[in-house]
């Protein structure tokens, strides 16, 4: 999901992104996050904050790496559920 990096979930494992799940991003050696904030949270069916996460090459050639990474798939396309496991969307 993140070119030149990966992520872990809190709580683990990353099988389903339920309300309250926090995703922590990190980059491979030689790359850095384009934003200082490395966490997003699933809140009521939406990711917060809702910005794209990119890992870019540090040092020489970093501008080109940012341009190319902007076309990678977005983690924000992953489904963020608004209910906890065992809860139902409709109560009747």
Protein backbone atom coordinates (compact mmCIF):
# COMPACT_ATOMS: atom_id res chain seq x y z
CA UNK A 1 0.00 0.00 0.00
CA UNK A 2 2.89 2.38 0.68
CA UNK A 3 5.68 2.40 -1.91
CA UNK A 4 9.09 2.06 -0.23
CA UNK A 5 7.51 1.51 3.19
CA UNK A 6 4.95 -0.40 5.16
CA UNK A 7 2.57 -0.08 8.11
CA UNK A 8 1.46 -1.78 11.30
CA UNK A 9 -1.91 -1.65 13.03
CA UNK A 10 -2.78 -0.95 16.64
CA UNK A 11 -4.33 -3.26 17.71
CA UNK A 12 -2.83 -6.05 15.64
CA UNK A 13 -3.36 -7.86 13.30
CA UNK A 14 -4.39 -5.74 10.30
CA UNK A 15 -7.22 -7.99 9.17
CA UNK A 16 -10.03 -5.45 9.30
CA UNK A 17 -9.89 -1.73 10.00
CA UNK A 18 -12.54 -1.23 12.69
CA UNK A 19 -13.50 2.02 14.38
CA UNK A 20 -10.59 3.03 16.58
CA UNK A 21 -7.87 1.21 14.63
CA UNK A 22 -4.68 3.24 14.39
CA UNK A 23 -2.36 2.63 11.43
CA UNK A 24 1.30 3.57 11.85
CA UNK A 25 3.37 4.09 8.70
CA UNK A 26 7.13 3.77 8.33
CA UNK A 27 9.58 3.97 5.44
CA UNK A 28 12.37 1.73 4.17
CA UNK A 29 15.98 2.77 4.86
CA UNK A 30 16.95 5.67 2.59
CA UNK A 31 13.35 6.96 2.46
CA UNK A 32 11.39 9.32 4.67
CA UNK A 33 7.72 10.23 5.14
CA UNK A 34 6.62 13.42 3.39
CA UNK A 35 4.67 14.42 6.49
CA UNK A 36 5.83 14.45 10.12
CA UNK A 37 2.60 12.78 11.24
CA UNK A 38 2.83 9.00 10.69
CA UNK A 39 -0.51 7.83 12.12
CA UNK A 40 -4.06 7.69 10.74
CA UNK A 41 -7.13 6.51 12.67
CA UNK A 42 -10.35 4.85 11.53
CA UNK A 43 -13.14 6.97 13.03
CA UNK A 44 -16.82 6.40 12.25
CA UNK A 45 -16.13 4.98 8.79
CA UNK A 46 -13.57 7.62 7.76
CA UNK A 47 -9.79 7.88 7.95
CA UNK A 48 -8.48 10.79 10.03
CA UNK A 49 -6.48 12.70 9.06
CA UNK A 50 -7.38 12.01 5.45
CA UNK A 51 -4.11 12.76 3.67
CA UNK A 52 -2.08 10.47 1.44
CA UNK A 53 1.05 8.89 2.92
CA UNK A 54 4.21 8.85 0.81
CA UNK A 55 7.75 7.64 1.39
CA UNK A 56 10.28 9.57 -0.66
CA UNK A 57 13.96 8.99 -1.25
CA UNK A 58 16.14 11.16 0.93
CA UNK A 59 18.99 13.15 -0.56
CA UNK A 60 19.75 13.49 -4.27
CA UNK A 61 16.81 12.69 -6.55
CA UNK A 62 14.19 13.21 -3.83
CA UNK A 63 12.02 15.52 -5.99
CA UNK A 64 11.67 12.90 -8.74
CA UNK A 65 10.86 10.19 -6.18
CA UNK A 66 8.04 12.35 -4.79
CA UNK A 67 6.62 12.86 -8.28
CA UNK A 68 6.64 9.12 -9.01
CA UNK A 69 5.27 8.10 -5.62
CA UNK A 70 2.25 10.37 -6.04
CA UNK A 71 0.82 7.79 -8.44
CA UNK A 72 0.96 4.89 -5.97
CA UNK A 73 -2.33 3.42 -4.66
CA UNK A 74 -3.85 5.24 -1.72
CA UNK A 75 -4.15 3.60 1.67
CA UNK A 76 -7.23 5.77 2.15
CA UNK A 77 -9.05 3.51 -0.33
CA UNK A 78 -8.99 0.75 2.29
CA UNK A 79 -12.33 0.22 4.02
CA UNK A 80 -12.60 1.83 7.43
CA UNK A 81 -15.53 0.23 9.29
CA UNK A 82 -17.78 2.36 11.47
CA UNK A 83 -18.73 -0.45 13.86
CA UNK A 84 -16.87 -2.69 16.24
CA UNK A 85 -16.66 -6.47 15.60
CA UNK A 86 -19.87 -8.11 16.80
CA UNK A 87 -21.96 -4.93 16.45
CA UNK A 88 -24.57 -4.56 13.74
CA UNK A 89 -25.22 -1.63 11.45
CA UNK A 90 -28.96 -1.81 12.08
CA UNK A 91 -30.60 -2.73 15.38
CA UNK A 92 -34.10 -4.11 15.28
